[in-house]
Each structure stands twice: as C-alpha cells, then as structure tokens.
Amino acid sequence: MTPYIAPPVAPAAPALPRLFAPPGVYRPQADTRLLAAALDQEELGPGTTVMEVGTGTGALALRAAGRGARVTAVDVSWPAVLTAYANARLRRLPVRVLHGDFAARTHGRRFDLVLANPPYVPSPDPGPPVRGAARAWDAGPTGRLVIDRICSWAPAVLRPGGVLLIVQSAMCGPPATVRLLEGAGLRAGVLLRATVPWGPVLRSRRAWLEGRGLADSGEEWEELVVIRARQP
C-alpha cells in the first residue's frame, strides 16, 4: 500500500484569463487553478499532444495550446463544448473540442499529457446527474464515479513517458487514486495540494457528509490535491 505523504503546497495560483462562461458551465475555480499550477510544471512544445477531460470553459486546454501543444478537449455537456469552442476561437487557439464520454471519444488514440478535473463531490444520489450544472461536480456517494474510470482508462491512452494530472478532493480518497494508478502500472503520487473554504454545494450537504464520516463536525475547509501519474 502506498503511504499518503503530504505533498508540497501549491505555488501561488496562476492567473487564468477571463473567459466566456454562460450559466450552467463550470467556471474556473480553485481546483482549476491548482491543476493549472501543475500543468505549468510540465514541458510542452509543438509536438506535445494533450487531452483535457471535462474541459468546461476550456481554460486549461487554452493554457496548453498557448504553449504550443496540440490539444483535444472533451466534455459530456453540450453547453461546455460550445463554450470551450467559442473561447478557443476568440483567442485564435487551435483546440479541438469534442462532445461525449471521454473513453469513447479517445478510443485508439494516445497522448503525451492528460489533464482531468472530473466530478468528485460526494452526492447522496447513487449515479451521476444526466443533465444540469451538477454534472460538473456530483460523483456518487463516494465521489469516485468518474475518478475510478479515469484511473482504469488512463494507462491505455498515455504514450510511453506520458503523464496524467488529475485533481480531486481529499474527501474522496487520494490514496485510493494513487493505488489504482500504480496497480495499472503507472508511477503515481500526490504532486500539489491546496486548502480552500467549503463552497455552497458542500455546505448544503453538511449533515449528510458528517453522517457518512466524510467530514468532521463543523468542518469548513477542504483539501484539494493534484495527483501526477507517469507511464513508464
């Protein structure tokens, strides 16, 4: 079992551009900024192929494309896909934006870098939402409905030496993510962490989260982590 070792605190959150973000599309937040800080540590160039899972406004896809990478982004939400496409056009950056399930849309393809900001908020509902803004954050009772799928999918889409960067809450088990990725043959560990105040979704579920042992009584802060996994 891989021990959970506290990773370095993230450097100062990088500035993200103001993007078109209509209602119902996930706006860049603390987890986006933490993942951007991890992205900034990776070497990118004209030959680097990047996939972003759950692109939302396209903030991270645009950041990678701005550094010269060849970027594909995918989201299950049509509003998000159209928003990311519009933002890429407005900034004249060549990002390919796809609609649909990330595994289905990447079948047979390989990438040097995969970025993932999946839904990870524990929810009383057993399955993922089928519509609405909550598709960007609700992920079943453990918060791992999408994280676990990414862990099993990533090894097949990473080129040799390729890297996965995935952000999640400590509430839904970073050690489990590391174990799954290492069990699939990747070298994985927690790269960055940041502590942020609870947002409205967590506050609205306080009693349920405390009842399931996912949060302590009166807890007000959440730890976010970025896990980095590398294909040998």
C-alpha atoms as a PDB file:
ATOM      1  CA  MET A   1       0.000   0.000   0.000  1.00  0.00           C
ATOM      2  CA  THR A   2       1.368   3.409  -0.981  1.00  0.00           C
ATOM      3  CA  PRO A   3       1.552   5.702   2.050  1.00  0.00           C
ATOM      4  CA  TYR A   4      -0.136   9.061   1.823  1.00  0.00           C
ATOM      5  CA  ILE A   5       2.597  11.674   2.202  1.00  0.00           C
ATOM      6  CA  ALA A   6       1.669  15.333   2.361  1.00  0.00           C
ATOM      7  CA  PRO A   7       2.805  16.882  -0.920  1.00  0.00           C
ATOM      8  CA  PRO A   8       4.199  20.367  -1.358  1.00  0.00           C
ATOM      9  CA  VAL A   9       1.783  23.228  -1.048  1.00  0.00           C
ATOM     10  CA  ALA A  10       0.948  24.634  -4.454  1.00  0.00           C
ATOM     11  CA  PRO A  11       2.828  27.699  -5.618  1.00  0.00           C
ATOM     12  CA  ALA A  12       0.907  30.931  -5.938  1.00  0.00           C
ATOM     13  CA  ALA A  13      -2.175  30.223  -8.010  1.00  0.00           C
ATOM     14  CA  PRO A  14      -1.509  31.194 -11.620  1.00  0.00           C
ATOM     15  CA  ALA A  15      -3.730  33.824 -13.141  1.00  0.00           C
ATOM     16  CA  LEU A  16      -6.332  32.461 -15.516  1.00  0.00           C
ATOM     17  CA  PRO A  17      -7.814  34.558 -18.310  1.00  0.00           C
ATOM     18  CA  ARG A  18     -11.346  35.893 -18.117  1.00  0.00           C
ATOM     19  CA  LEU A  19     -13.360  33.552 -20.298  1.00  0.00           C
ATOM     20  CA  PHE A  20     -16.866  33.464 -21.677  1.00  0.00           C
ATOM     21  CA  ALA A  21     -18.755  31.329 -19.133  1.00  0.00           C
ATOM     22  CA  PRO A  22     -22.545  31.176 -19.522  1.00  0.00           C
ATOM     23  CA  PRO A  23     -24.820  29.847 -16.768  1.00  0.00           C
ATOM     24  CA  GLY A  24     -24.636  26.077 -16.399  1.00  0.00           C
ATOM     25  CA  VAL A  25     -20.969  25.798 -17.453  1.00  0.00           C
ATOM     26  CA  TYR A  26     -18.376  25.149 -14.754  1.00  0.00           C
ATOM     27  CA  ARG A  27     -16.312  28.278 -14.233  1.00  0.00           C
ATOM     28  CA  PRO A  28     -12.589  28.092 -13.379  1.00  0.00           C
ATOM     29  CA  GLN A  29     -12.243  27.776  -9.619  1.00  0.00           C
ATOM     30  CA  ALA A  30      -9.643  26.743  -7.041  1.00  0.00           C
ATOM     31  CA  ASP A  31      -9.326  23.227  -8.484  1.00  0.00           C
ATOM     32  CA  THR A  32      -8.790  24.668 -11.976  1.00  0.00           C
ATOM     33  CA  ARG A  33      -6.053  26.947 -10.673  1.00  0.00           C
ATOM     34  CA  LEU A  34      -4.361  24.100  -8.803  1.00  0.00           C
ATOM     35  CA  LEU A  35      -4.373  21.950 -11.922  1.00  0.00           C
ATOM     36  CA  ALA A  36      -3.031  24.922 -13.903  1.00  0.00           C
ATOM     37  CA  ALA A  37      -0.129  25.171 -11.430  1.00  0.00           C
ATOM     38  CA  ALA A  38       0.640  21.501 -12.074  1.00  0.00           C
ATOM     39  CA  LEU A  39       0.342  21.973 -15.836  1.00  0.00           C
ATOM     40  CA  ASP A  40       2.839  24.825 -15.678  1.00  0.00           C
ATOM     41  CA  GLN A  41       5.439  22.369 -14.334  1.00  0.00           C
ATOM     42  CA  GLU A  42       5.177  20.107 -17.385  1.00  0.00           C
ATOM     43  CA  GLU A  43       7.300  20.520 -20.506  1.00  0.00           C
ATOM     44  CA  LEU A  44       5.138  21.288 -23.533  1.00  0.00           C
ATOM     45  CA  GLY A  45       6.031  22.020 -27.121  1.00  0.00           C
ATOM     46  CA  PRO A  46       4.723  21.884 -30.687  1.00  0.00           C
ATOM     47  CA  GLY A  47       4.918  18.102 -30.733  1.00  0.00           C
ATOM     48  CA  THR A  48       3.167  17.541 -27.411  1.00  0.00           C
ATOM     49  CA  THR A  49      -0.304  16.010 -27.617  1.00  0.00           C
ATOM     50  CA  VAL A  50      -2.668  16.928 -24.790  1.00  0.00           C
ATOM     51  CA  MET A  51      -6.133  15.679 -23.840  1.00  0.00           C
ATOM     52  CA  GLU A  52      -8.299  17.528 -21.336  1.00  0.00           C
ATOM     53  CA  VAL A  53     -11.152  15.577 -19.752  1.00  0.00           C
ATOM     54  CA  GLY A  54     -14.039  17.733 -18.558  1.00  0.00           C
ATOM     55  CA  THR A  55     -12.941  20.953 -20.205  1.00  0.00           C
ATOM     56  CA  GLY A  56     -15.723  23.271 -19.011  1.00  0.00           C
ATOM     57  CA  THR A  57     -14.839  26.723 -20.330  1.00  0.00           C
ATOM     58  CA  GLY A  58     -11.665  25.332 -21.879  1.00  0.00           C
ATOM     59  CA  ALA A  59      -9.362  27.258 -19.525  1.00  0.00           C
ATOM     60  CA  LEU A  60      -6.718  24.526 -19.214  1.00  0.00           C
ATOM     61  CA  ALA A  61      -6.955  23.422 -22.840  1.00  0.00           C
ATOM     62  CA  LEU A  62      -6.313  27.024 -23.884  1.00  0.00           C
ATOM     63  CA  ARG A  63      -3.393  27.278 -21.456  1.00  0.00           C
ATOM     64  CA  ALA A  64      -1.760  24.214 -23.002  1.00  0.00           C
ATOM     65  CA  ALA A  65      -2.497  25.337 -26.560  1.00  0.00           C
ATOM     66  CA  GLY A  66      -0.998  28.739 -25.790  1.00  0.00           C
ATOM     67  CA  ARG A  67       2.277  26.953 -25.062  1.00  0.00           C
ATOM     68  CA  GLY A  68       2.236  25.286 -28.462  1.00  0.00           C
ATOM     69  CA  ALA A  69       0.750  21.875 -27.625  1.00  0.00           C
ATOM     70  CA  ARG A  70      -1.725  20.090 -29.889  1.00  0.00           C
ATOM     71  CA  VAL A  71      -4.801  19.961 -27.679  1.00  0.00           C
ATOM     72  CA  THR A  72      -8.019  17.973 -27.730  1.00  0.00           C
ATOM     73  CA  ALA A  73     -10.692  18.634 -25.116  1.00  0.00           C
ATOM     74  CA  VAL A  74     -13.826  16.657 -24.292  1.00  0.00           C
ATOM     75  CA  ASP A  75     -16.916  17.237 -22.161  1.00  0.00           C
ATOM     76  CA  VAL A  76     -20.258  15.455 -21.718  1.00  0.00           C
ATOM     77  CA  SER A  77     -22.049  18.818 -21.582  1.00  0.00           C
ATOM     78  CA  TRP A  78     -23.037  20.436 -24.864  1.00  0.00           C
ATOM     79  CA  PRO A  79     -23.049  23.929 -23.277  1.00  0.00           C
ATOM     80  CA  ALA A  80     -19.477  23.317 -22.088  1.00  0.00           C
ATOM     81  CA  VAL A  81     -18.366  22.087 -25.507  1.00  0.00           C
ATOM     82  CA  LEU A  82     -19.824  25.137 -27.240  1.00  0.00           C
ATOM     83  CA  THR A  83     -18.320  27.442 -24.608  1.00  0.00           C
ATOM     84  CA  ALA A  84     -14.831  25.942 -24.909  1.00  0.00           C
ATOM     85  CA  TYR A  85     -15.050  26.117 -28.698  1.00  0.00           C
ATOM     86  CA  ALA A  86     -16.099  29.775 -28.546  1.00  0.00           C
ATOM     87  CA  ASN A  87     -13.288  30.651 -26.143  1.00  0.00           C
ATOM     88  CA  ALA A  88     -10.741  28.924 -28.376  1.00  0.00           C
ATOM     89  CA  ARG A  89     -11.986  30.814 -31.422  1.00  0.00           C
ATOM     90  CA  LEU A  90     -11.971  34.137 -29.560  1.00  0.00           C
ATOM     91  CA  ARG A  91      -8.310  33.587 -28.643  1.00  0.00           C
ATOM     92  CA  ARG A  92      -7.419  32.081 -32.023  1.00  0.00           C
ATOM     93  CA  LEU A  93      -6.037  28.938 -30.446  1.00  0.00           C
ATOM     94  CA  PRO A  94      -6.316  25.588 -32.271  1.00  0.00           C
ATOM     95  CA  VAL A  95      -8.144  23.443 -29.699  1.00  0.00           C
ATOM     96  CA  ARG A  96     -10.213  20.506 -30.929  1.00  0.00           C
ATOM     97  CA  VAL A  97     -13.325  20.236 -28.726  1.00  0.00           C
ATOM     98  CA  LEU A  98     -15.355  17.015 -28.647  1.00  0.00           C
ATOM     99  CA  HIS A  99     -18.696  16.165 -27.099  1.00  0.00           C
ATOM    100  CA  GLY A 100     -19.294  12.873 -25.326  1.00  0.00           C
ATOM    101  CA  ASP A 101     -17.790  10.318 -22.979  1.00  0.00           C
ATOM    102  CA  PHE A 102     -14.015  10.686 -22.653  1.00  0.00           C
ATOM    103  CA  ALA A 103     -13.311   6.966 -23.063  1.00  0.00           C
ATOM    104  CA  ALA A 104     -15.454   6.614 -26.182  1.00  0.00           C
ATOM    105  CA  ARG A 105     -14.051   9.752 -27.819  1.00  0.00           C
ATOM    106  CA  THR A 106     -10.417   8.744 -27.301  1.00  0.00           C
ATOM    107  CA  HIS A 107     -10.603   5.108 -28.394  1.00  0.00           C
ATOM    108  CA  GLY A 108      -7.416   4.137 -30.218  1.00  0.00           C
ATOM    109  CA  ARG A 109      -5.658   7.448 -29.556  1.00  0.00           C
ATOM    110  CA  ARG A 110      -2.570   8.174 -27.424  1.00  0.00           C
ATOM    111  CA  PHE A 111      -1.446  11.373 -25.703  1.00  0.00           C
ATOM    112  CA  ASP A 112       1.651  12.774 -24.038  1.00  0.00           C
ATOM    113  CA  LEU A 113      -0.366  14.533 -21.343  1.00  0.00           C
ATOM    114  CA  VAL A 114      -3.881  14.042 -19.974  1.00  0.00           C
ATOM    115  CA  LEU A 115      -5.486  16.700 -17.772  1.00  0.00           C
ATOM    116  CA  ALA A 116      -8.555  15.800 -15.733  1.00  0.00           C
ATOM    117  CA  ASN A 117     -10.759  17.871 -13.456  1.00  0.00           C
ATOM    118  CA  PRO A 118     -13.533  15.303 -13.035  1.00  0.00           C
ATOM    119  CA  PRO A 119     -16.658  15.467 -10.892  1.00  0.00           C
ATOM    120  CA  TYR A 120     -15.560  14.469  -7.370  1.00  0.00           C
ATOM    121  CA  VAL A 121     -18.091  15.850  -4.891  1.00  0.00           C
ATOM    122  CA  PRO A 122     -19.799  13.087  -2.882  1.00  0.00           C
ATOM    123  CA  SER A 123     -23.526  13.072  -3.536  1.00  0.00           C
ATOM    124  CA  PRO A 124     -26.494  11.265  -1.955  1.00  0.00           C
ATOM    125  CA  ASP A 125     -27.559  10.192  -5.456  1.00  0.00           C
ATOM    126  CA  PRO A 126     -26.133   6.803  -6.467  1.00  0.00           C
ATOM    127  CA  GLY A 127     -25.457   7.756 -10.080  1.00  0.00           C
ATOM    128  CA  PRO A 128     -24.186  10.802 -11.938  1.00  0.00           C
ATOM    129  CA  PRO A 129     -26.638  13.528 -12.977  1.00  0.00           C
ATOM    130  CA  VAL A 130     -27.887  13.210 -16.539  1.00  0.00           C
ATOM    131  CA  ARG A 131     -28.340  16.955 -17.061  1.00  0.00           C
ATOM    132  CA  GLY A 132     -27.710  20.316 -15.474  1.00  0.00           C
ATOM    133  CA  ALA A 133     -24.727  22.076 -13.959  1.00  0.00           C
ATOM    134  CA  ALA A 134     -24.293  19.374 -11.265  1.00  0.00           C
ATOM    135  CA  ARG A 135     -22.821  17.086 -13.932  1.00  0.00           C
ATOM    136  CA  ALA A 136     -19.601  19.042 -13.380  1.00  0.00           C
ATOM    137  CA  TRP A 137     -19.283  18.105  -9.687  1.00  0.00           C
ATOM    138  CA  ASP A 138     -21.609  15.316  -8.440  1.00  0.00           C
ATOM    139  CA  ALA A 139     -19.948  11.876  -8.453  1.00  0.00           C
ATOM    140  CA  GLY A 140     -21.983   9.436  -6.368  1.00  0.00           C
ATOM    141  CA  PRO A 141     -21.799   8.598  -2.643  1.00  0.00           C
ATOM    142  CA  THR A 142     -18.005   8.229  -2.585  1.00  0.00           C
ATOM    143  CA  GLY A 143     -17.213  10.962  -5.102  1.00  0.00           C
ATOM    144  CA  ARG A 144     -15.300   8.437  -7.184  1.00  0.00           C
ATOM    145  CA  LEU A 145     -17.649   7.500 -10.037  1.00  0.00           C
ATOM    146  CA  VAL A 146     -15.555   9.283 -12.663  1.00  0.00           C
ATOM    147  CA  ILE A 147     -12.189   9.194 -10.883  1.00  0.00           C
ATOM    148  CA  ASP A 148     -12.175   5.386 -10.874  1.00  0.00           C
ATOM    149  CA  ARG A 149     -12.996   5.277 -14.591  1.00  0.00           C
ATOM    150  CA  ILE A 150     -10.142   7.670 -15.357  1.00  0.00           C
ATOM    151  CA  CYS A 151      -7.737   5.513 -13.340  1.00  0.00           C
ATOM    152  CA  SER A 152      -8.601   2.432 -15.410  1.00  0.00           C
ATOM    153  CA  TRP A 153      -8.668   4.329 -18.737  1.00  0.00           C
ATOM    154  CA  ALA A 154      -5.517   6.435 -18.461  1.00  0.00           C
ATOM    155  CA  PRO A 155      -2.869   3.711 -18.984  1.00  0.00           C
ATOM    156  CA  ALA A 156      -4.326   2.857 -22.378  1.00  0.00           C
ATOM    157  CA  VAL A 157      -4.218   6.433 -23.689  1.00  0.00           C
ATOM    158  CA  LEU A 158      -0.822   7.549 -22.378  1.00  0.00           C
ATOM    159  CA  ARG A 159       2.191   7.203 -24.613  1.00  0.00           C
ATOM    160  CA  PRO A 160       5.417   5.858 -23.083  1.00  0.00           C
ATOM    161  CA  GLY A 161       6.574   8.554 -20.691  1.00  0.00           C
ATOM    162  CA  GLY A 162       3.126  10.178 -20.845  1.00  0.00           C
ATOM    163  CA  VAL A 163       1.656  11.917 -17.810  1.00  0.00           C
ATOM    164  CA  LEU A 164      -1.783  12.130 -16.206  1.00  0.00           C
ATOM    165  CA  LEU A 165      -2.593  15.113 -13.978  1.00  0.00           C
ATOM    166  CA  ILE A 166      -5.856  14.724 -12.081  1.00  0.00           C
ATOM    167  CA  VAL A 167      -7.292  16.999  -9.414  1.00  0.00           C
ATOM    168  CA  GLN A 168      -9.657  15.847  -6.685  1.00  0.00           C
ATOM    169  CA  SER A 169     -10.768  16.486  -3.138  1.00  0.00           C
ATOM    170  CA  ALA A 170      -9.090  14.746  -0.213  1.00  0.00           C
ATOM    171  CA  MET A 171     -12.648  13.907   0.814  1.00  0.00           C
ATOM    172  CA  CYS A 172     -12.805  11.225  -1.890  1.00  0.00           C
ATOM    173  CA  GLY A 173      -9.548   9.431  -1.182  1.00  0.00           C
ATOM    174  CA  PRO A 174      -6.308  10.439  -2.935  1.00  0.00           C
ATOM    175  CA  PRO A 175      -4.570   7.285  -1.593  1.00  0.00           C
ATOM    176  CA  ALA A 176      -7.150   5.148  -3.417  1.00  0.00           C
ATOM    177  CA  THR A 177      -6.435   7.025  -6.648  1.00  0.00           C
ATOM    178  CA  VAL A 178      -2.689   6.505  -6.258  1.00  0.00           C
ATOM    179  CA  ARG A 179      -3.174   2.788  -5.552  1.00  0.00           C
ATOM    180  CA  LEU A 180      -5.391   2.304  -8.601  1.00  0.00           C
ATOM    181  CA  LEU A 181      -2.972   4.090 -10.897  1.00  0.00           C
ATOM    182  CA  GLU A 182       0.021   2.202  -9.557  1.00  0.00           C
ATOM    183  CA  GLY A 183      -1.923  -1.046  -9.811  1.00  0.00           C
ATOM    184  CA  ALA A 184      -2.433  -0.241 -13.503  1.00  0.00           C
ATOM    185  CA  GLY A 185       1.319   0.084 -13.994  1.00  0.00           C
ATOM    186  CA  LEU A 186       1.819   3.840 -13.660  1.00  0.00           C
ATOM    187  CA  ARG A 187       4.153   5.630 -11.261  1.00  0.00           C
ATOM    188  CA  ALA A 188       1.880   7.884  -9.228  1.00  0.00           C
ATOM    189  CA  GLY A 189       1.923  10.253  -6.291  1.00  0.00           C
ATOM    190  CA  VAL A 190       0.376  13.442  -4.966  1.00  0.00           C
ATOM    191  CA  LEU A 191       2.088  16.418  -6.575  1.00  0.00           C
ATOM    192  CA  LEU A 192       0.377  19.517  -5.153  1.00  0.00           C
ATOM    193  CA  ARG A 193      -2.201  20.392  -2.544  1.00  0.00           C
ATOM    194  CA  ALA A 194      -4.203  23.433  -1.541  1.00  0.00           C
ATOM    195  CA  THR A 195      -6.733  24.144   1.196  1.00  0.00           C
ATOM    196  CA  VAL A 196      -9.861  26.078   0.280  1.00  0.00           C
ATOM    197  CA  PRO A 197     -13.058  27.016   2.120  1.00  0.00           C
ATOM    198  CA  TRP A 198     -16.146  24.934   1.578  1.00  0.00           C
ATOM    199  CA  GLY A 199     -18.341  26.121  -1.250  1.00  0.00           C
ATOM    200  CA  PRO A 200     -22.146  26.196  -1.348  1.00  0.00           C
ATOM    201  CA  VAL A 201     -22.520  22.593  -2.551  1.00  0.00           C
ATOM    202  CA  LEU A 202     -20.587  21.117   0.383  1.00  0.00           C
ATOM    203  CA  ARG A 203     -22.300  23.439   2.852  1.00  0.00           C
ATOM    204  CA  SER A 204     -25.706  22.329   1.620  1.00  0.00           C
ATOM    205  CA  ARG A 205     -24.739  18.672   2.301  1.00  0.00           C
ATOM    206  CA  ARG A 206     -23.086  19.150   5.671  1.00  0.00           C
ATOM    207  CA  ALA A 207     -25.396  16.833   7.633  1.00  0.00           C
ATOM    208  CA  TRP A 208     -25.144  14.086   5.015  1.00  0.00           C
ATOM    209  CA  LEU A 209     -21.341  14.353   4.731  1.00  0.00           C
ATOM    210  CA  GLU A 210     -20.898  14.274   8.502  1.00  0.00           C
ATOM    211  CA  GLY A 211     -23.291  11.335   8.776  1.00  0.00           C
ATOM    212  CA  ARG A 212     -21.224   9.320   6.298  1.00  0.00           C
ATOM    213  CA  GLY A 213     -17.963  10.195   8.029  1.00  0.00           C
ATOM    214  CA  LEU A 214     -16.711  12.202   5.060  1.00  0.00           C
ATOM    215  CA  ALA A 215     -16.405  15.404   7.082  1.00  0.00           C
ATOM    216  CA  ASP A 216     -15.867  16.276  10.721  1.00  0.00           C
ATOM    217  CA  SER A 217     -18.462  18.198  12.640  1.00  0.00           C
ATOM    218  CA  GLY A 218     -18.186  21.907  11.888  1.00  0.00           C
ATOM    219  CA  GLU A 219     -15.539  21.413   9.195  1.00  0.00           C
ATOM    220  CA  GLU A 220     -15.160  24.448   6.941  1.00  0.00           C
ATOM    221  CA  TRP A 221     -12.072  23.731   4.812  1.00  0.00           C
ATOM    222  CA  GLU A 222     -11.418  21.251   2.018  1.00  0.00           C
ATOM    223  CA  GLU A 223      -8.063  19.971   0.803  1.00  0.00           C
ATOM    224  CA  LEU A 224      -7.605  19.691  -2.947  1.00  0.00           C
ATOM    225  CA  VAL A 225      -4.801  17.618  -4.427  1.00  0.00           C
ATOM    226  CA  VAL A 226      -3.284  17.060  -7.842  1.00  0.00           C
ATOM    227  CA  ILE A 227      -2.069  13.526  -8.487  1.00  0.00           C
ATOM    228  CA  ARG A 228       0.592  13.006 -11.137  1.00  0.00           C
ATOM    229  CA  ALA A 229       0.925   9.594 -12.764  1.00  0.00           C
ATOM    230  CA  ARG A 230       3.515   8.687 -15.389  1.00  0.00           C
ATOM    231  CA  GLN A 231       3.553   5.857 -17.903  1.00  0.00           C
ATOM    232  CA  PRO A 232       6.940   4.094 -17.772  1.00  0.00           C
END
